[in-house]
Amino acid sequence: MIDFGQCLIAAQKLKAVSSVDLARRVGVHRQQVNIWRNKKNVRLDTAIKITAALDIGLDDFLALCN
């Protein structure tokens, strides 16, 4: 099983995007990004918004945590 939070942490490091910057790009509060970073699973539409904000494909995003 894929751990979404670990993928997000890895993607943020790869793209050098802070939680504050990601929150601005997605249109949420920084606290929401921290919640995502600690979640195992998120809805597909949320994952798509996050990967678009990070300018990374969903497949590439998921490959980061394998």
Protein backbone atom coordinates (compact mmCIF):
# COMPACT_ATOMS: atom_id res chain seq x y z
CA MET A 1 0.00 0.00 0.00
CA ILE A 2 1.16 3.51 -0.79
CA ASP A 3 1.56 6.03 2.03
CA PHE A 4 0.32 9.31 0.56
CA GLY A 5 1.94 11.40 3.26
CA GLN A 6 5.37 9.95 2.56
CA CYS A 7 4.90 10.61 -1.16
CA LEU A 8 3.94 14.21 -0.40
CA ILE A 9 6.94 14.78 1.83
CA ALA A 10 9.26 13.35 -0.83
CA ALA A 11 7.64 15.42 -3.60
CA GLN A 12 7.92 18.61 -1.57
CA LYS A 13 11.61 17.96 -1.01
CA LEU A 14 12.17 17.12 -4.68
CA LYS A 15 10.39 20.25 -5.87
CA ALA A 16 11.67 22.44 -2.99
CA VAL A 17 8.13 23.54 -2.12
CA SER A 18 7.36 24.39 1.49
CA SER A 19 4.04 23.54 3.11
CA VAL A 20 3.16 27.24 3.13
CA ASP A 21 3.84 27.54 -0.61
CA LEU A 22 1.92 24.37 -1.38
CA ALA A 23 -1.03 25.58 0.68
CA ARG A 24 -1.11 28.83 -1.31
CA ARG A 25 -0.95 26.96 -4.61
CA VAL A 26 -3.79 24.61 -3.65
CA GLY A 27 -5.85 27.28 -1.87
CA VAL A 28 -5.91 25.76 1.62
CA HIS A 29 -4.44 26.58 5.02
CA ARG A 30 -0.95 25.38 5.89
CA GLN A 31 -2.47 23.15 8.55
CA GLN A 32 -4.30 21.20 5.85
CA VAL A 33 -1.00 20.42 4.13
CA ASN A 34 0.32 19.13 7.45
CA ILE A 35 -2.76 16.91 7.77
CA TRP A 36 -2.12 15.51 4.28
CA ARG A 37 1.52 14.86 5.19
CA ASN A 38 0.31 12.58 8.00
CA LYS A 39 -2.37 10.73 6.03
CA LYS A 40 -2.03 7.31 4.46
CA ASN A 41 -4.84 7.94 1.96
CA VAL A 42 -6.56 10.93 0.37
CA ARG A 43 -9.29 11.31 -2.21
CA LEU A 44 -8.22 11.11 -5.85
CA ASP A 45 -9.35 14.67 -6.60
CA THR A 46 -7.19 15.92 -3.71
CA ALA A 47 -4.18 14.00 -5.00
CA ILE A 48 -4.69 15.48 -8.47
CA LYS A 49 -4.86 19.04 -7.08
CA ILE A 50 -1.70 18.51 -5.06
CA THR A 51 0.28 16.97 -7.91
CA ALA A 52 -0.82 19.76 -10.25
CA ALA A 53 0.30 22.35 -7.69
CA LEU A 54 3.67 20.59 -7.43
CA ASP A 55 3.92 20.30 -11.23
CA ILE A 56 4.49 16.56 -11.07
CA GLY A 57 2.54 13.76 -12.69
CA LEU A 58 0.50 11.48 -10.46
CA ASP A 59 2.52 8.44 -11.57
CA ASP A 60 5.81 10.21 -10.79
CA PHE A 61 4.41 11.37 -7.46
CA LEU A 62 3.42 7.84 -6.44
CA ALA A 63 6.78 6.47 -7.56
CA LEU A 64 8.53 8.71 -5.02
CA CYS A 65 7.40 6.63 -2.08
CA ASN A 66 8.15 3.17 -3.43
